[in-house]
Structure formats: C-alpha cells, structure tokens
Amino acid sequence: METAGQRLIKSLQEALEHAQGNPKAARISSEKKLKRVKIPEILNVKDIREHLKMSQAEFAARFGINLNTLKNWEHGRRVPDIATKAYLYAISRNAELVEKALYS
C-alpha cells in the first residue's frame, strides 16, 4: 500500500512530465461541465438597500450583516468577497425569498 508521501511524489513526477511535454504521463480527470454562477463584478450595495427602502441598520439586521461592514461597503472602504456578492445579488433579485429562507 502506498503512503501519502509516495502518492504525493508520484503525482509531482506526473505533473513534471506533463509540464515537460508528455501529456500522457499524467492522469487527467474528466471534469463535468458545471453551471457557473454569473454575479456582476460590481454590486452597488447602497442601491440594493435603497431599492428595498431600508435604512442601513434595518438592512444589516434583516439580512444578518454587520452594520459597520455594510457602511464600509457603501463608502467604498471595503469590497464584499465573492460569496457575499452572491448573497447580495440574491437579495437584489428576490429579497422576499431570501428573507423567507432565513426566517423559516
């Protein structure tokens, strides 16, 4: 039975051979076509909040966001990470459904 170290060395050797121009040396796993999420690069958090007619405090409390974090996003001092952008995009598309999921 191979140890983890032996498997790692074998994998590195395969990768090296592949990089040196021998594509058959490496095992290549077939990756299924995955549906990719399309999130706008730039989300205006303030616009989302104002469209919902909520104060900063209300929006933060309702969607579980730290108020200071929300303020930093709105003032451009910070940018949400990709997972948070996805969450904010979901809120912008259907806030009622997000709330229903959060509170049910």
N, C-alpha and C. Protein backbone atom coordinates (compact mmCIF):
# COMPACT_ATOMS: atom_id res chain seq x y z
N MET A 1 0.85 -1.19 0.00
CA MET A 1 0.00 0.00 0.00
C MET A 1 0.88 1.24 0.00
N GLU A 2 0.54 2.21 -0.87
CA GLU A 2 1.30 3.45 -0.97
C GLU A 2 1.01 4.35 0.21
N THR A 3 2.02 5.02 0.68
CA THR A 3 1.82 6.01 1.72
C THR A 3 1.40 7.32 1.06
N ALA A 4 0.95 8.25 1.86
CA ALA A 4 0.55 9.56 1.34
C ALA A 4 1.75 10.24 0.69
N GLY A 5 2.90 10.10 1.29
CA GLY A 5 4.10 10.70 0.73
C GLY A 5 4.47 10.12 -0.62
N GLN A 6 4.33 8.82 -0.76
CA GLN A 6 4.62 8.16 -2.04
C GLN A 6 3.65 8.63 -3.13
N ARG A 7 2.37 8.75 -2.76
CA ARG A 7 1.37 9.23 -3.73
C ARG A 7 1.67 10.67 -4.14
N LEU A 8 2.12 11.46 -3.19
CA LEU A 8 2.45 12.85 -3.48
C LEU A 8 3.64 12.93 -4.44
N ILE A 9 4.68 12.13 -4.17
CA ILE A 9 5.85 12.11 -5.04
C ILE A 9 5.46 11.65 -6.44
N LYS A 10 4.64 10.62 -6.53
CA LYS A 10 4.20 10.12 -7.83
C LYS A 10 3.42 11.20 -8.59
N SER A 11 2.56 11.90 -7.89
CA SER A 11 1.76 12.96 -8.52
C SER A 11 2.66 14.09 -9.02
N LEU A 12 3.66 14.45 -8.22
CA LEU A 12 4.57 15.50 -8.62
C LEU A 12 5.40 15.09 -9.84
N GLN A 13 5.80 13.84 -9.88
CA GLN A 13 6.54 13.34 -11.03
C GLN A 13 5.67 13.38 -12.29
N GLU A 14 4.41 12.98 -12.17
CA GLU A 14 3.48 13.05 -13.30
C GLU A 14 3.30 14.49 -13.77
N ALA A 15 3.17 15.40 -12.82
CA ALA A 15 2.98 16.80 -13.17
C ALA A 15 4.21 17.35 -13.87
N LEU A 16 5.39 16.96 -13.41
CA LEU A 16 6.63 17.41 -14.03
C LEU A 16 6.74 16.89 -15.47
N GLU A 17 6.45 15.61 -15.65
CA GLU A 17 6.50 15.04 -17.00
C GLU A 17 5.49 15.72 -17.92
N HIS A 18 4.32 15.99 -17.39
CA HIS A 18 3.29 16.67 -18.18
C HIS A 18 3.78 18.07 -18.57
N ALA A 19 4.39 18.78 -17.62
CA ALA A 19 4.88 20.13 -17.89
C ALA A 19 6.02 20.11 -18.90
N GLN A 20 6.75 19.00 -18.96
CA GLN A 20 7.87 18.88 -19.89
C GLN A 20 7.42 18.41 -21.28
N GLY A 21 6.14 18.29 -21.47
CA GLY A 21 5.64 17.98 -22.80
C GLY A 21 5.16 16.56 -23.02
N ASN A 22 5.00 15.80 -21.98
CA ASN A 22 4.49 14.43 -22.11
C ASN A 22 3.10 14.37 -21.48
N PRO A 23 2.07 14.77 -22.23
CA PRO A 23 0.73 14.84 -21.65
C PRO A 23 0.16 13.48 -21.25
N LYS A 24 0.69 12.40 -21.81
CA LYS A 24 0.17 11.08 -21.47
C LYS A 24 0.68 10.60 -20.12
N ALA A 25 1.70 11.27 -19.59
CA ALA A 25 2.29 10.85 -18.33
C ALA A 25 1.35 11.11 -17.15
N ALA A 26 0.52 12.10 -17.28
CA ALA A 26 -0.33 12.49 -16.15
C ALA A 26 -1.75 11.97 -16.34
N ARG A 27 -2.35 11.60 -15.22
CA ARG A 27 -3.76 11.25 -15.24
C ARG A 27 -4.55 12.55 -15.21
N ILE A 28 -5.46 12.67 -16.12
CA ILE A 28 -6.29 13.87 -16.15
C ILE A 28 -7.72 13.44 -15.91
N SER A 29 -8.28 13.92 -14.82
CA SER A 29 -9.65 13.54 -14.51
C SER A 29 -10.60 14.36 -15.36
N SER A 30 -11.64 13.71 -15.80
CA SER A 30 -12.62 14.42 -16.63
C SER A 30 -13.51 15.24 -15.71
N GLU A 31 -13.62 16.50 -16.05
CA GLU A 31 -14.44 17.40 -15.25
C GLU A 31 -15.75 17.64 -15.98
N LYS A 32 -16.84 17.39 -15.28
CA LYS A 32 -18.15 17.62 -15.88
C LYS A 32 -18.35 19.11 -16.08
N LYS A 33 -19.12 19.43 -17.09
CA LYS A 33 -19.46 20.84 -17.29
C LYS A 33 -20.36 21.28 -16.14
N LEU A 34 -19.84 22.22 -15.37
CA LEU A 34 -20.60 22.72 -14.24
C LEU A 34 -21.24 24.05 -14.62
N LYS A 35 -22.41 24.25 -14.12
CA LYS A 35 -23.10 25.51 -14.36
C LYS A 35 -22.42 26.56 -13.48
N ARG A 36 -21.99 27.63 -14.08
CA ARG A 36 -21.29 28.69 -13.37
C ARG A 36 -22.26 29.81 -12.98
N VAL A 37 -22.09 30.30 -11.79
CA VAL A 37 -22.89 31.41 -11.31
C VAL A 37 -22.39 32.68 -11.95
N LYS A 38 -23.29 33.49 -12.42
CA LYS A 38 -22.91 34.77 -13.02
C LYS A 38 -23.31 35.89 -12.08
N ILE A 39 -22.31 36.43 -11.43
CA ILE A 39 -22.53 37.51 -10.48
C ILE A 39 -21.88 38.75 -11.06
N PRO A 40 -22.58 39.87 -11.06
CA PRO A 40 -21.97 41.10 -11.57
C PRO A 40 -20.67 41.41 -10.82
N GLU A 41 -19.67 41.86 -11.55
CA GLU A 41 -18.37 42.19 -10.94
C GLU A 41 -18.54 43.27 -9.87
N ILE A 42 -19.37 44.26 -10.20
CA ILE A 42 -19.59 45.37 -9.27
C ILE A 42 -21.05 45.38 -8.84
N LEU A 43 -21.26 45.33 -7.55
CA LEU A 43 -22.61 45.44 -6.99
C LEU A 43 -22.65 46.71 -6.14
N ASN A 44 -23.63 47.52 -6.36
CA ASN A 44 -23.78 48.72 -5.56
C ASN A 44 -24.70 48.40 -4.39
N VAL A 45 -24.10 48.14 -3.25
CA VAL A 45 -24.85 47.72 -2.07
C VAL A 45 -25.84 48.80 -1.63
N LYS A 46 -25.43 50.04 -1.72
CA LYS A 46 -26.32 51.12 -1.33
C LYS A 46 -27.56 51.16 -2.22
N ASP A 47 -27.38 50.96 -3.52
CA ASP A 47 -28.52 50.92 -4.44
C ASP A 47 -29.47 49.78 -4.10
N ILE A 48 -28.91 48.62 -3.77
CA ILE A 48 -29.74 47.47 -3.39
C ILE A 48 -30.57 47.81 -2.16
N ARG A 49 -29.90 48.37 -1.15
CA ARG A 49 -30.58 48.71 0.11
C ARG A 49 -31.64 49.78 -0.12
N GLU A 50 -31.29 50.82 -0.87
CA GLU A 50 -32.25 51.90 -1.11
C GLU A 50 -33.43 51.45 -1.95
N HIS A 51 -33.19 50.55 -2.89
CA HIS A 51 -34.29 49.99 -3.69
C HIS A 51 -35.30 49.27 -2.79
N LEU A 52 -34.79 48.67 -1.72
CA LEU A 52 -35.67 47.97 -0.77
C LEU A 52 -36.26 48.92 0.27
N LYS A 53 -35.89 50.20 0.17
CA LYS A 53 -36.39 51.24 1.07
C LYS A 53 -36.10 50.90 2.54
N MET A 54 -34.84 50.53 2.81
CA MET A 54 -34.42 50.18 4.16
C MET A 54 -33.28 51.08 4.59
N SER A 55 -33.25 51.35 5.88
CA SER A 55 -32.10 52.06 6.44
C SER A 55 -30.93 51.08 6.50
N GLN A 56 -29.75 51.60 6.74
CA GLN A 56 -28.59 50.72 6.89
C GLN A 56 -28.79 49.74 8.03
N ALA A 57 -29.28 50.24 9.14
CA ALA A 57 -29.48 49.39 10.32
C ALA A 57 -30.50 48.28 10.04
N GLU A 58 -31.60 48.64 9.36
CA GLU A 58 -32.63 47.66 9.05
C GLU A 58 -32.12 46.60 8.08
N PHE A 59 -31.43 47.03 7.02
CA PHE A 59 -30.90 46.09 6.03
C PHE A 59 -29.91 45.14 6.69
N ALA A 60 -29.01 45.69 7.48
CA ALA A 60 -27.99 44.87 8.15
C ALA A 60 -28.64 43.85 9.08
N ALA A 61 -29.59 44.29 9.87
CA ALA A 61 -30.26 43.38 10.81
C ALA A 61 -31.08 42.32 10.09
N ARG A 62 -31.81 42.72 9.08
CA ARG A 62 -32.69 41.80 8.38
C ARG A 62 -31.94 40.70 7.64
N PHE A 63 -30.75 41.04 7.12
CA PHE A 63 -30.01 40.05 6.32
C PHE A 63 -28.75 39.52 7.02
N GLY A 64 -28.60 39.83 8.30
CA GLY A 64 -27.50 39.26 9.08
C GLY A 64 -26.13 39.79 8.70
N ILE A 65 -26.07 41.06 8.40
CA ILE A 65 -24.81 41.70 8.01
C ILE A 65 -24.39 42.66 9.11
N ASN A 66 -23.12 42.65 9.44
CA ASN A 66 -22.61 43.59 10.44
C ASN A 66 -22.80 45.01 9.91
N LEU A 67 -23.35 45.89 10.73
CA LEU A 67 -23.65 47.25 10.31
C LEU A 67 -22.39 48.00 9.85
N ASN A 68 -21.30 47.86 10.59
CA ASN A 68 -20.06 48.54 10.19
C ASN A 68 -19.54 48.01 8.86
N THR A 69 -19.69 46.72 8.63
CA THR A 69 -19.28 46.13 7.36
C THR A 69 -20.10 46.72 6.23
N LEU A 70 -21.41 46.82 6.42
CA LEU A 70 -22.29 47.41 5.41
C LEU A 70 -21.87 48.84 5.11
N LYS A 71 -21.60 49.61 6.14
CA LYS A 71 -21.17 51.00 5.95
C LYS A 71 -19.86 51.07 5.16
N ASN A 72 -18.92 50.17 5.47
CA ASN A 72 -17.65 50.14 4.74
C ASN A 72 -17.86 49.82 3.27
N TRP A 73 -18.78 48.91 2.96
CA TRP A 73 -19.07 48.59 1.56
C TRP A 73 -19.65 49.81 0.85
N GLU A 74 -20.61 50.43 1.51
CA GLU A 74 -21.30 51.57 0.89
C GLU A 74 -20.38 52.76 0.67
N HIS A 75 -19.39 52.92 1.52
CA HIS A 75 -18.46 54.05 1.40
C HIS A 75 -17.21 53.69 0.60
N GLY A 76 -17.17 52.46 0.08
CA GLY A 76 -16.06 52.06 -0.77
C GLY A 76 -14.77 51.74 -0.04
N ARG A 77 -14.84 51.61 1.27
CA ARG A 77 -13.62 51.28 2.03
C ARG A 77 -13.31 49.80 1.99
N ARG A 78 -14.33 48.99 1.75
CA ARG A 78 -14.18 47.54 1.65
C ARG A 78 -15.03 47.04 0.49
N VAL A 79 -14.71 45.82 0.03
CA VAL A 79 -15.45 45.19 -1.05
C VAL A 79 -15.87 43.81 -0.57
N PRO A 80 -17.13 43.42 -0.78
CA PRO A 80 -17.57 42.09 -0.36
C PRO A 80 -16.80 40.99 -1.11
N ASP A 81 -16.56 39.87 -0.44
CA ASP A 81 -15.93 38.73 -1.11
C ASP A 81 -16.95 38.10 -2.06
N ILE A 82 -16.51 37.12 -2.83
CA ILE A 82 -17.36 36.55 -3.89
C ILE A 82 -18.62 35.88 -3.32
N ALA A 83 -18.49 35.19 -2.18
CA ALA A 83 -19.67 34.54 -1.60
C ALA A 83 -20.68 35.59 -1.13
N THR A 84 -20.17 36.66 -0.55
CA THR A 84 -21.06 37.73 -0.08
C THR A 84 -21.69 38.45 -1.26
N LYS A 85 -20.93 38.60 -2.35
CA LYS A 85 -21.51 39.20 -3.56
C LYS A 85 -22.68 38.35 -4.06
N ALA A 86 -22.51 37.04 -4.02
CA ALA A 86 -23.59 36.14 -4.45
C ALA A 86 -24.81 36.33 -3.56
N TYR A 87 -24.58 36.45 -2.26
CA TYR A 87 -25.67 36.66 -1.29
C TYR A 87 -26.37 38.00 -1.57
N LEU A 88 -25.59 39.05 -1.77
CA LEU A 88 -26.16 40.37 -2.04
C LEU A 88 -26.90 40.38 -3.37
N TYR A 89 -26.38 39.65 -4.35
CA TYR A 89 -27.05 39.56 -5.64
C TYR A 89 -28.40 38.85 -5.49
N ALA A 90 -28.42 37.79 -4.69
CA ALA A 90 -29.68 37.08 -4.43
C ALA A 90 -30.68 38.02 -3.76
N ILE A 91 -30.21 38.81 -2.81
CA ILE A 91 -31.07 39.79 -2.15
C ILE A 91 -31.61 40.78 -3.17
N SER A 92 -30.75 41.25 -4.06
CA SER A 92 -31.18 42.24 -5.05
C SER A 92 -32.22 41.67 -6.02
N ARG A 93 -32.13 40.37 -6.30
CA ARG A 93 -33.05 39.74 -7.24
C ARG A 93 -34.38 39.35 -6.60
N ASN A 94 -34.33 38.91 -5.33
CA ASN A 94 -35.56 38.45 -4.68
C ASN A 94 -35.40 38.48 -3.16
N ALA A 95 -35.47 39.67 -2.60
CA ALA A 95 -35.26 39.86 -1.17
C ALA A 95 -36.27 39.07 -0.33
N GLU A 96 -37.51 39.01 -0.80
CA GLU A 96 -38.54 38.29 -0.04
C GLU A 96 -38.21 36.81 0.08
N LEU A 97 -37.71 36.22 -0.99
CA LEU A 97 -37.36 34.80 -0.97
C LEU A 97 -36.16 34.55 -0.05
N VAL A 98 -35.19 35.45 -0.07
CA VAL A 98 -34.04 35.32 0.82
C VAL A 98 -34.51 35.41 2.27
N GLU A 99 -35.35 36.38 2.56
CA GLU A 99 -35.88 36.52 3.92
C GLU A 99 -36.65 35.27 4.34
N LYS A 100 -37.46 34.76 3.44
CA LYS A 100 -38.24 33.55 3.74
C LYS A 100 -37.30 32.39 4.09
N ALA A 101 -36.22 32.25 3.33
CA ALA A 101 -35.25 31.19 3.60
C ALA A 101 -34.56 31.41 4.94
N LEU A 102 -34.27 32.65 5.26
CA LEU A 102 -33.57 32.95 6.52
C LEU A 102 -34.44 32.74 7.75
N TYR A 103 -35.70 33.01 7.61
CA TYR A 103 -36.58 33.02 8.79
C TYR A 103 -37.55 31.86 8.88
N SER A 104 -37.40 30.88 8.01
CA SER A 104 -38.34 29.75 8.07
C SER A 104 -37.74 28.59 8.84
